[in-house]
Structures are given as C-alpha cells and as structure tokens.
C-alpha atoms as a PDB file:
ATOM      1  CA  MET A   1      -0.056   0.095  -0.011  1.00  0.00           C
ATOM      2  CA  ASN A   2       2.490   2.426   1.077  1.00  0.00           C
ATOM      3  CA  ASN A   3       4.687   1.543  -2.332  1.00  0.00           C
ATOM      4  CA  GLU A   4       1.635   2.314  -4.556  1.00  0.00           C
ATOM      5  CA  LYS A   5       1.095   5.762  -2.258  1.00  0.00           C
ATOM      6  CA  THR A   6       4.816   6.777  -3.229  1.00  0.00           C
ATOM      7  CA  THR A   7       4.717   5.494  -6.760  1.00  0.00           C
ATOM      8  CA  GLY A   8       1.639   7.668  -7.131  1.00  0.00           C
ATOM      9  CA  GLN A   9       3.399  10.932  -5.666  1.00  0.00           C
ATOM     10  CA  GLU A  10       6.367  10.020  -7.843  1.00  0.00           C
ATOM     11  CA  GLN A  11       4.278  10.189 -10.903  1.00  0.00           C
ATOM     12  CA  ASN A  12       2.545  13.592  -9.563  1.00  0.00           C
ATOM     13  CA  GLY A  13       5.912  14.979  -8.822  1.00  0.00           C
ATOM     14  CA  ALA A  14       7.140  14.070 -12.555  1.00  0.00           C
ATOM     15  CA  ALA A  15       4.173  15.473 -14.066  1.00  0.00           C
ATOM     16  CA  ASP A  16       4.400  18.656 -12.001  1.00  0.00           C
ATOM     17  CA  LYS A  17       8.285  19.011 -13.111  1.00  0.00           C
ATOM     18  CA  ALA A  18       7.207  18.332 -16.818  1.00  0.00           C
ATOM     19  CA  ALA A  19       4.686  20.953 -16.567  1.00  0.00           C
ATOM     20  CA  GLU A  20       7.042  23.520 -15.362  1.00  0.00           C
ATOM     21  CA  LYS A  21       9.499  22.365 -17.696  1.00  0.00           C
ATOM     22  CA  ASP A  22       6.890  23.202 -20.619  1.00  0.00           C
ATOM     23  CA  THR A  23       6.336  26.206 -19.077  1.00  0.00           C
ATOM     24  CA  ALA A  24      10.022  27.764 -19.211  1.00  0.00           C
ATOM     25  CA  ALA A  25      10.442  26.563 -22.761  1.00  0.00           C
ATOM     26  CA  ALA A  26       7.425  28.443 -23.726  1.00  0.00           C
ATOM     27  CA  ARG A  27       8.445  31.356 -21.833  1.00  0.00           C
ATOM     28  CA  GLN A  28      11.983  31.579 -23.868  1.00  0.00           C
ATOM     29  CA  HIS A  29       9.911  31.930 -27.262  1.00  0.00           C
ATOM     30  CA  SER A  30       8.058  34.748 -26.009  1.00  0.00           C
ATOM     31  CA  VAL A  31       8.969  38.594 -25.941  1.00  0.00           C
ATOM     32  CA  PRO A  32       7.711  41.170 -23.415  1.00  0.00           C
ATOM     33  CA  PRO A  33       4.574  42.990 -24.667  1.00  0.00           C
ATOM     34  CA  GLY A  34       5.564  46.404 -25.935  1.00  0.00           C
ATOM     35  CA  PRO A  35       3.675  49.581 -27.792  1.00  0.00           C
ATOM     36  CA  GLU A  36       3.802  48.108 -31.112  1.00  0.00           C
ATOM     37  CA  ASP A  37       1.053  45.283 -29.758  1.00  0.00           C
ATOM     38  CA  GLU A  38      -1.845  47.789 -30.740  1.00  0.00           C
ATOM     39  CA  VAL A  39      -0.637  47.767 -34.296  1.00  0.00           C
ATOM     40  CA  ILE A  40       0.936  44.389 -34.684  1.00  0.00           C
ATOM     41  CA  ASN A  41      -0.730  41.163 -33.118  1.00  0.00           C
ATOM     42  CA  ASP A  42       1.953  39.386 -32.795  1.00  0.00           C
ATOM     43  CA  ASP A  43       0.679  37.280 -29.556  1.00  0.00           C
ATOM     44  CA  GLU A  44       4.223  38.317 -27.917  1.00  0.00           C
ATOM     45  CA  ARG A  45       6.163  35.744 -29.985  1.00  0.00           C
ATOM     46  CA  GLU A  46       9.384  35.380 -31.445  1.00  0.00           C
ATOM     47  CA  ARG A  47       9.506  36.204 -35.414  1.00  0.00           C
ATOM     48  CA  PHE A  48       9.661  32.907 -37.201  1.00  0.00           C
ATOM     49  CA  ASN A  49       8.362  30.825 -34.033  1.00  0.00           C
ATOM     50  CA  TRP A  50       5.469  29.174 -35.838  1.00  0.00           C
ATOM     51  CA  LYS A  51       5.378  25.916 -33.303  1.00  0.00           C
ATOM     52  CA  SER A  52       2.852  25.938 -30.519  1.00  0.00           C
ATOM     53  CA  ARG A  53       4.079  26.930 -27.094  1.00  0.00           C
ATOM     54  CA  TYR A  54       1.520  24.292 -25.368  1.00  0.00           C
ATOM     55  CA  PRO A  55       2.216  20.624 -24.440  1.00  0.00           C
ATOM     56  CA  GLU A  56       0.252  17.927 -26.243  1.00  0.00           C
ATOM     57  CA  GLU A  57      -2.071  17.520 -23.204  1.00  0.00           C
ATOM     58  CA  ALA A  58      -2.998  21.083 -23.338  1.00  0.00           C
ATOM     59  CA  LEU A  59      -3.376  21.093 -27.406  1.00  0.00           C
ATOM     60  CA  LYS A  60      -5.731  18.295 -27.152  1.00  0.00           C
ATOM     61  CA  ARG A  61      -8.113  19.965 -24.747  1.00  0.00           C
ATOM     62  CA  ILE A  62      -7.835  23.181 -26.768  1.00  0.00           C
ATOM     63  CA  ARG A  63      -9.286  21.343 -29.797  1.00  0.00           C
ATOM     64  CA  TRP A  64     -11.652  19.532 -27.838  1.00  0.00           C
ATOM     65  CA  GLU A  65     -12.956  22.853 -26.715  1.00  0.00           C
ATOM     66  CA  ALA A  66     -12.831  24.640 -30.149  1.00  0.00           C
ATOM     67  CA  ALA A  67     -14.828  21.389 -31.650  1.00  0.00           C
ATOM     68  CA  TYR A  68     -17.250  21.779 -29.024  1.00  0.00           C
ATOM     69  CA  VAL A  69     -17.787  25.501 -29.699  1.00  0.00           C
ATOM     70  CA  LEU A  70     -18.178  24.949 -33.506  1.00  0.00           C
ATOM     71  CA  ALA A  71     -20.424  22.299 -32.782  1.00  0.00           C
ATOM     72  CA  ILE A  72     -22.985  24.628 -30.748  1.00  0.00           C
ATOM     73  CA  LEU A  73     -22.205  27.272 -33.366  1.00  0.00           C
ATOM     74  CA  ALA A  74     -23.702  24.826 -36.204  1.00  0.00           C
ATOM     75  CA  PHE A  75     -26.687  23.570 -34.013  1.00  0.00           C
ATOM     76  CA  ALA A  76     -27.532  27.427 -33.603  1.00  0.00           C
ATOM     77  CA  MET A  77     -27.542  27.728 -37.198  1.00  0.00           C
ATOM     78  CA  ALA A  78     -29.379  24.561 -37.553  1.00  0.00           C
ATOM     79  CA  GLY A  79     -31.840  25.721 -35.038  1.00  0.00           C
ATOM     80  CA  LEU A  80     -32.385  29.101 -37.173  1.00  0.00           C
ATOM     81  CA  LEU A  81     -33.128  27.144 -40.237  1.00  0.00           C
ATOM     82  CA  PHE A  82     -35.548  24.624 -39.077  1.00  0.00           C
ATOM     83  CA  THR A  83     -37.336  27.408 -37.134  1.00  0.00           C
ATOM     84  CA  TRP A  84     -37.593  29.463 -40.268  1.00  0.00           C
ATOM     85  CA  ARG A  85     -39.060  26.295 -42.006  1.00  0.00           C
ATOM     86  CA  GLY A  86     -41.248  25.423 -39.194  1.00  0.00           C
ATOM     87  CA  ASP A  87     -40.208  22.227 -38.482  1.00  0.00           C
ATOM     88  CA  VAL A  88     -39.151  23.230 -34.742  1.00  0.00           C
ATOM     89  CA  TYR A  89     -42.765  24.046 -34.162  1.00  0.00           C
ATOM     90  CA  ASP A  90     -44.252  21.148 -35.685  1.00  0.00           C
ATOM     91  CA  LEU A  91     -41.812  18.974 -33.537  1.00  0.00           C
ATOM     92  CA  PHE A  92     -43.028  20.348 -30.347  1.00  0.00           C
ATOM     93  CA  SER A  93     -46.590  21.539 -30.709  1.00  0.00           C
ATOM     94  CA  CYS A  94     -47.507  17.829 -31.375  1.00  0.00           C
ATOM     95  CA  GLY A  95     -50.918  18.900 -32.645  1.00  0.00           C
ATOM     96  CA  CYS A  96     -51.571  21.416 -30.018  1.00  0.00           C
ATOM     97  CA  ALA A  97     -54.765  23.162 -30.869  1.00  0.00           C
ATOM     98  CA  SER A  98     -54.214  26.538 -28.622  1.00  0.00           C
ATOM     99  CA  CYS A  99     -50.759  26.923 -29.867  1.00  0.00           C
ATOM    100  CA  ARG A 100     -49.435  29.752 -31.837  1.00  0.00           C
ATOM    101  CA  SER A 101     -46.736  29.281 -34.255  1.00  0.00           C
ATOM    102  CA  GLU A 102     -45.978  32.935 -34.492  1.00  0.00           C
ATOM    103  CA  THR A 103     -45.388  32.988 -30.685  1.00  0.00           C
ATOM    104  CA  PHE A 104     -43.514  30.149 -30.634  1.00  0.00           C
ATOM    105  CA  ASN A 105     -41.173  30.917 -33.473  1.00  0.00           C
ATOM    106  CA  ARG A 106     -40.257  34.326 -32.013  1.00  0.00           C
ATOM    107  CA  TYR A 107     -38.766  32.847 -28.897  1.00  0.00           C
ATOM    108  CA  SER A 108     -37.463  29.975 -30.741  1.00  0.00           C
ATOM    109  CA  TYR A 109     -35.405  32.648 -33.246  1.00  0.00           C
ATOM    110  CA  LEU A 110     -34.508  34.311 -29.515  1.00  0.00           C
ATOM    111  CA  PHE A 111     -33.022  31.217 -28.158  1.00  0.00           C
ATOM    112  CA  PHE A 112     -30.763  29.980 -31.237  1.00  0.00           C
ATOM    113  CA  SER A 113     -29.836  33.508 -32.091  1.00  0.00           C
ATOM    114  CA  GLY A 114     -28.926  33.982 -28.572  1.00  0.00           C
ATOM    115  CA  MET A 115     -26.492  30.785 -28.740  1.00  0.00           C
ATOM    116  CA  LEU A 116     -25.354  31.651 -31.715  1.00  0.00           C
ATOM    117  CA  GLY A 117     -23.860  35.128 -30.199  1.00  0.00           C
ATOM    118  CA  GLY A 118     -22.472  33.101 -27.122  1.00  0.00           C
ATOM    119  CA  SER A 119     -20.850  30.571 -29.022  1.00  0.00           C
ATOM    120  CA  LEU A 120     -19.250  33.466 -31.650  1.00  0.00           C
ATOM    121  CA  PHE A 121     -18.016  35.327 -28.498  1.00  0.00           C
ATOM    122  CA  GLY A 122     -16.915  32.108 -26.901  1.00  0.00           C
ATOM    123  CA  LEU A 123     -14.947  31.186 -29.976  1.00  0.00           C
ATOM    124  CA  LYS A 124     -13.528  34.704 -30.496  1.00  0.00           C
ATOM    125  CA  TYR A 125     -12.320  34.470 -26.729  1.00  0.00           C
ATOM    126  CA  LEU A 126     -11.126  30.931 -26.872  1.00  0.00           C
ATOM    127  CA  TYR A 127      -8.590  31.670 -30.023  1.00  0.00           C
ATOM    128  CA  LYS A 128      -7.408  35.105 -28.475  1.00  0.00           C
ATOM    129  CA  VAL A 129      -6.350  33.356 -24.837  1.00  0.00           C
ATOM    130  CA  VAL A 130      -4.805  30.552 -26.531  1.00  0.00           C
ATOM    131  CA  ALA A 131      -2.854  32.706 -28.978  1.00  0.00           C
ATOM    132  CA  ARG A 132      -1.678  35.116 -26.228  1.00  0.00           C
ATOM    133  CA  GLY A 133      -0.992  32.313 -23.540  1.00  0.00           C
ATOM    134  CA  TRP A 134      -3.572  32.921 -21.214  1.00  0.00           C
ATOM    135  CA  TRP A 135      -5.675  29.673 -21.752  1.00  0.00           C
ATOM    136  CA  ASN A 136      -6.142  27.560 -18.886  1.00  0.00           C
ATOM    137  CA  LEU A 137      -8.374  24.276 -17.722  1.00  0.00           C
ATOM    138  CA  ASP A 138     -10.107  26.571 -15.035  1.00  0.00           C
ATOM    139  CA  ARG A 139     -12.273  28.337 -17.929  1.00  0.00           C
ATOM    140  CA  GLY A 140     -13.356  25.244 -19.407  1.00  0.00           C
ATOM    141  CA  LEU A 141     -16.332  25.050 -17.716  1.00  0.00           C
ATOM    142  CA  TRP A 142     -17.075  28.747 -19.004  1.00  0.00           C
ATOM    143  CA  ARG A 143     -16.791  27.852 -22.578  1.00  0.00           C
ATOM    144  CA  ILE A 144     -19.020  25.001 -21.902  1.00  0.00           C
ATOM    145  CA  SER A 145     -21.894  26.641 -20.208  1.00  0.00           C
ATOM    146  CA  SER A 146     -21.398  29.944 -21.944  1.00  0.00           C
ATOM    147  CA  PRO A 147     -23.509  29.475 -25.132  1.00  0.00           C
ATOM    148  CA  TRP A 148     -26.218  27.988 -23.266  1.00  0.00           C
ATOM    149  CA  LEU A 149     -26.567  30.890 -20.634  1.00  0.00           C
ATOM    150  CA  SER A 150     -26.698  33.357 -23.506  1.00  0.00           C
ATOM    151  CA  ALA A 151     -29.164  31.403 -24.992  1.00  0.00           C
ATOM    152  CA  GLY A 152     -31.650  31.514 -21.671  1.00  0.00           C
ATOM    153  CA  LEU A 153     -30.636  35.409 -21.507  1.00  0.00           C
ATOM    154  CA  ALA A 154     -31.542  36.072 -25.019  1.00  0.00           C
ATOM    155  CA  PHE A 155     -35.048  34.018 -24.307  1.00  0.00           C
ATOM    156  CA  ALA A 156     -35.553  36.325 -21.340  1.00  0.00           C
ATOM    157  CA  ALA A 157     -34.622  39.662 -22.784  1.00  0.00           C
ATOM    158  CA  GLY A 158     -37.248  38.703 -25.752  1.00  0.00           C
ATOM    159  CA  ALA A 159     -40.024  38.094 -23.076  1.00  0.00           C
ATOM    160  CA  LEU A 160     -38.768  41.486 -21.214  1.00  0.00           C
ATOM    161  CA  ALA A 161     -38.968  43.698 -24.478  1.00  0.00           C
ATOM    162  CA  HIS A 162     -42.285  41.859 -25.237  1.00  0.00           C
ATOM    163  CA  ALA A 163     -43.867  42.826 -21.933  1.00  0.00           C
ATOM    164  CA  GLY A 164     -42.406  46.778 -22.694  1.00  0.00           C
ATOM    165  CA  LEU A 165     -39.653  46.594 -19.481  1.00  0.00           C
ATOM    166  CA  PHE A 166     -36.661  47.441 -21.967  1.00  0.00           C
ATOM    167  CA  GLY A 167     -38.347  50.403 -23.258  1.00  0.00           C
ATOM    168  CA  PHE A 168     -38.836  49.118 -26.689  1.00  0.00           C
ATOM    169  CA  ASP A 169     -41.102  46.795 -28.608  1.00  0.00           C
ATOM    170  CA  VAL A 170     -40.653  44.336 -31.330  1.00  0.00           C
ATOM    171  CA  ASN A 171     -44.121  43.169 -31.640  1.00  0.00           C
ATOM    172  CA  HIS A 172     -44.911  45.379 -34.646  1.00  0.00           C
ATOM    173  CA  SER A 173     -42.642  43.115 -36.560  1.00  0.00           C
ATOM    174  CA  ARG A 174     -43.747  39.534 -37.951  1.00  0.00           C
ATOM    175  CA  GLY A 175     -40.475  38.904 -39.452  1.00  0.00           C
ATOM    176  CA  GLY A 176     -37.715  37.034 -37.703  1.00  0.00           C
ATOM    177  CA  ALA A 177     -35.248  39.497 -38.519  1.00  0.00           C
ATOM    178  CA  SER A 178     -36.034  41.453 -35.371  1.00  0.00           C
ATOM    179  CA  PHE A 179     -36.220  38.826 -33.103  1.00  0.00           C
ATOM    180  CA  VAL A 180     -32.983  37.255 -34.130  1.00  0.00           C
ATOM    181  CA  SER A 181     -30.948  40.657 -34.166  1.00  0.00           C
ATOM    182  CA  LEU A 182     -32.213  41.202 -30.481  1.00  0.00           C
ATOM    183  CA  GLY A 183     -31.326  37.265 -29.572  1.00  0.00           C
ATOM    184  CA  PHE A 184     -28.029  37.627 -31.053  1.00  0.00           C
ATOM    185  CA  ILE A 185     -26.848  41.030 -29.374  1.00  0.00           C
ATOM    186  CA  ALA A 186     -28.254  39.941 -26.213  1.00  0.00           C
ATOM    187  CA  GLY A 187     -26.407  36.448 -26.673  1.00  0.00           C
ATOM    188  CA  TYR A 188     -23.040  38.019 -27.721  1.00  0.00           C
ATOM    189  CA  PHE A 189     -23.167  40.856 -25.101  1.00  0.00           C
ATOM    190  CA  ALA A 190     -24.495  38.480 -22.497  1.00  0.00           C
ATOM    191  CA  ASP A 191     -22.832  40.610 -19.578  1.00  0.00           C
ATOM    192  CA  SER A 192     -24.557  43.986 -20.710  1.00  0.00           C
ATOM    193  CA  ALA A 193     -27.874  41.944 -20.786  1.00  0.00           C
ATOM    194  CA  SER A 194     -27.217  40.743 -17.420  1.00  0.00           C
ATOM    195  CA  ARG A 195     -26.617  44.348 -15.939  1.00  0.00           C
ATOM    196  CA  LYS A 196     -29.854  45.582 -17.740  1.00  0.00           C
ATOM    197  CA  MET A 197     -31.750  42.704 -16.146  1.00  0.00           C
ATOM    198  CA  GLN A 198     -30.298  43.955 -13.107  1.00  0.00           C
ATOM    199  CA  GLU A 199     -31.651  47.382 -13.428  1.00  0.00           C
ATOM    200  CA  ILE A 200     -34.944  46.450 -14.202  1.00  0.00           C
ATOM    201  CA  ALA A 201     -34.946  44.055 -11.062  1.00  0.00           C
ATOM    202  CA  ASP A 202     -33.830  47.240  -9.112  1.00  0.00           C
ATOM    203  CA  ILE A 203     -36.834  49.116 -10.340  1.00  0.00           C
ATOM    204  CA  LEU A 204     -39.358  46.431  -9.743  1.00  0.00           C
ATOM    205  CA  PHE A 205     -37.994  44.937  -6.533  1.00  0.00           C
ATOM    206  CA  GLY A 206     -35.861  47.819  -5.019  1.00  0.00           C
ATOM    207  CA  ARG A 207     -32.462  47.899  -4.446  1.00  0.00           C
ATOM    208  CA  PRO A 208     -30.845  46.513  -1.308  1.00  0.00           C
ATOM    209  CA  GLN A 209     -30.236  49.184   1.262  1.00  0.00           C
ATOM    210  CA  GLN A 210     -26.987  50.356   1.546  1.00  0.00           C
ATOM    211  CA  PRO A 211     -25.636  51.427   5.213  1.00  0.00           C
ATOM    212  CA  LYS A 212     -25.813  55.300   5.550  1.00  0.00           C
ATOM    213  CA  LYS A 213     -22.358  57.123   5.626  1.00  0.00           C
ATOM    214  CA  ASP A 214     -22.752  57.853   9.163  1.00  0.00           C
ATOM    215  CA  GLU A 215     -24.014  54.431  10.150  1.00  0.00           C
ATOM    216  CA  LYS A 216     -20.308  53.143   8.289  1.00  0.00           C
ATOM    217  CA  LEU A 217     -18.301  55.584  10.453  1.00  0.00           C
ATOM    218  CA  LEU A 218     -20.305  54.608  13.612  1.00  0.00           C
ATOM    219  CA  VAL A 219     -19.693  50.622  12.817  1.00  0.00           C
ATOM    220  CA  LYS A 220     -15.893  51.384  12.117  1.00  0.00           C
ATOM    221  CA  LYS A 221     -15.287  53.580  14.863  1.00  0.00           C
ATOM    222  CA  LYS A 222     -16.841  50.692  17.344  1.00  0.00           C
ATOM    223  CA  GLY A 223     -14.557  48.236  15.635  1.00  0.00           C
ATOM    224  CA  ASP A 224     -11.714  50.346  16.177  1.00  0.00           C
ATOM    225  CA  GLU A 225     -12.391  50.857  19.740  1.00  0.00           C
ATOM    226  CA  ALA A 226     -13.114  47.078  20.070  1.00  0.00           C
ATOM    227  CA  GLY A 227      -9.912  46.597  18.769  1.00  0.00           C
ATOM    228  CA  SER A 228      -7.572  48.861  20.719  1.00  0.00           C
ATOM    229  CA  VAL A 229      -6.123  47.739  23.873  1.00  0.00           C
ATOM    230  CA  PRO A 230      -6.034  50.232  26.861  1.00  0.00           C
ATOM    231  CA  ASP A 231      -2.988  51.422  28.396  1.00  0.00           C
ATOM    232  CA  HIS A 232      -2.777  51.003  32.213  1.00  0.00           C
ATOM    233  CA  SER A 233       0.966  51.794  32.520  1.00  0.00           C
ATOM    234  CA  PRO A 234       1.749  54.270  35.107  1.00  0.00           C
ATOM    235  CA  ARG A 235       2.363  57.903  34.401  1.00  0.00           C
ATOM    236  CA  THR A 236       5.562  59.319  35.060  1.00  0.00           C
END
C-alpha cells in the first residue's frame, strides 16, 4: 500500500516537473509586450517561431473545446434554419390546438440566435486566450456553459422586451429578423444584458439598502475601539 502511494506521488511530481519545464520553454520563445502590440498582433512571440507553445496535453484539450464551440455554433444555425422552415414548431407543438406558431417561432428565434451570439463570442475568446498564452483549464466550464447561458438570457430578454420593460417593443414586426437581431445582441453581449436585467430588477423590487455614511463611520469607530487595548501603564 505504501509502495503504491509512493509511486503515485512520484508520478505526480514527475508530471509537475514536466509542466514546469514546458512552461519555461514557452516563456523562452516569448517576448515582453510592447507599444507596437496595438498595431501588430504578434501574440508576444518571437519572429518565425511558428510552433505551438503548448504541450500536447493542453493542445488536445484546446482542440476539444474548439470542436465543442463549433458544434454549438452549427447547432444554433441549424436551429434558426429549422425554425424558419417551421420544423421546430411542428416537432414541439404535437398537434396543440391553442398554440400559435408566431409566438413559438419568436422565442425559438431568440433562443437560437442568443446561442449563436454566445458561441461566436466564446470562439473569439478562445482563439485570443490560446494565442496569447492565457488559456487554462479553469475556464473550461465557462466555455461549455456560456452558449447555453447566452441562449437563456436572449430568451428572457425577448420576453422582457415583449412586456415593454426594456423601453422598446419588437411586436410590430412579424418577421424573424428583429427577433434574431435582439437575440444575437443579447447573447453576444450577455454581460451587458445581465446588467440591464439587474437594473429592471432594482426598479421592480428595489435595491438592497446600503448603510448610510454615518452608520458606516459608527460601525468603523466601534470596531476600532473594540480592537484597541487600553493602556494601564503608570504615568510618570
């Protein structure tokens, strides 16, 4: 048992040393950023250094993430196509007599166009961080979930716009272009859409009450008094 534990520790240590060696080799072929980076996108690389600075283990993961984002992008485009053809409505309506195809297609356009915007943003972000050496495994969860989050935000943004809470209305248009445009913008700029929804939530439900300035000073003063130690040394 102890031998197996020792072997595992040795393997982990060897893997860490190999990773450190790969990182050091990558830094040797990099140059510090300079003012010309705004004009020449050199990715902080030496000239004529065309080989990847990532080890094979990282390259496999990068290829997998790129393939995933491209697959989601293709899925979103197919969803928009089948929504336009009416196939998505036929698939999910299941002969519903009270369902309206116009309403269903509106939110289907929003969902898939939001996914399209989120996947394009994720793909753009992926190639930037890979080229500049900032790619890491911890961002993998964001790259996987981001297109789906963008699709959900676009769907919600369309509902809020339909209710007039955004200050504009897209109900006058019966075509899909207005819904695709709104969904794409909400998906691509998901952070901005989230902030706008936060503003609406603050208006509807009120902002969390912040302590007043005098109360903050009083709390700080009490904390300082509690942390101070009285001086009982004799006076001379």
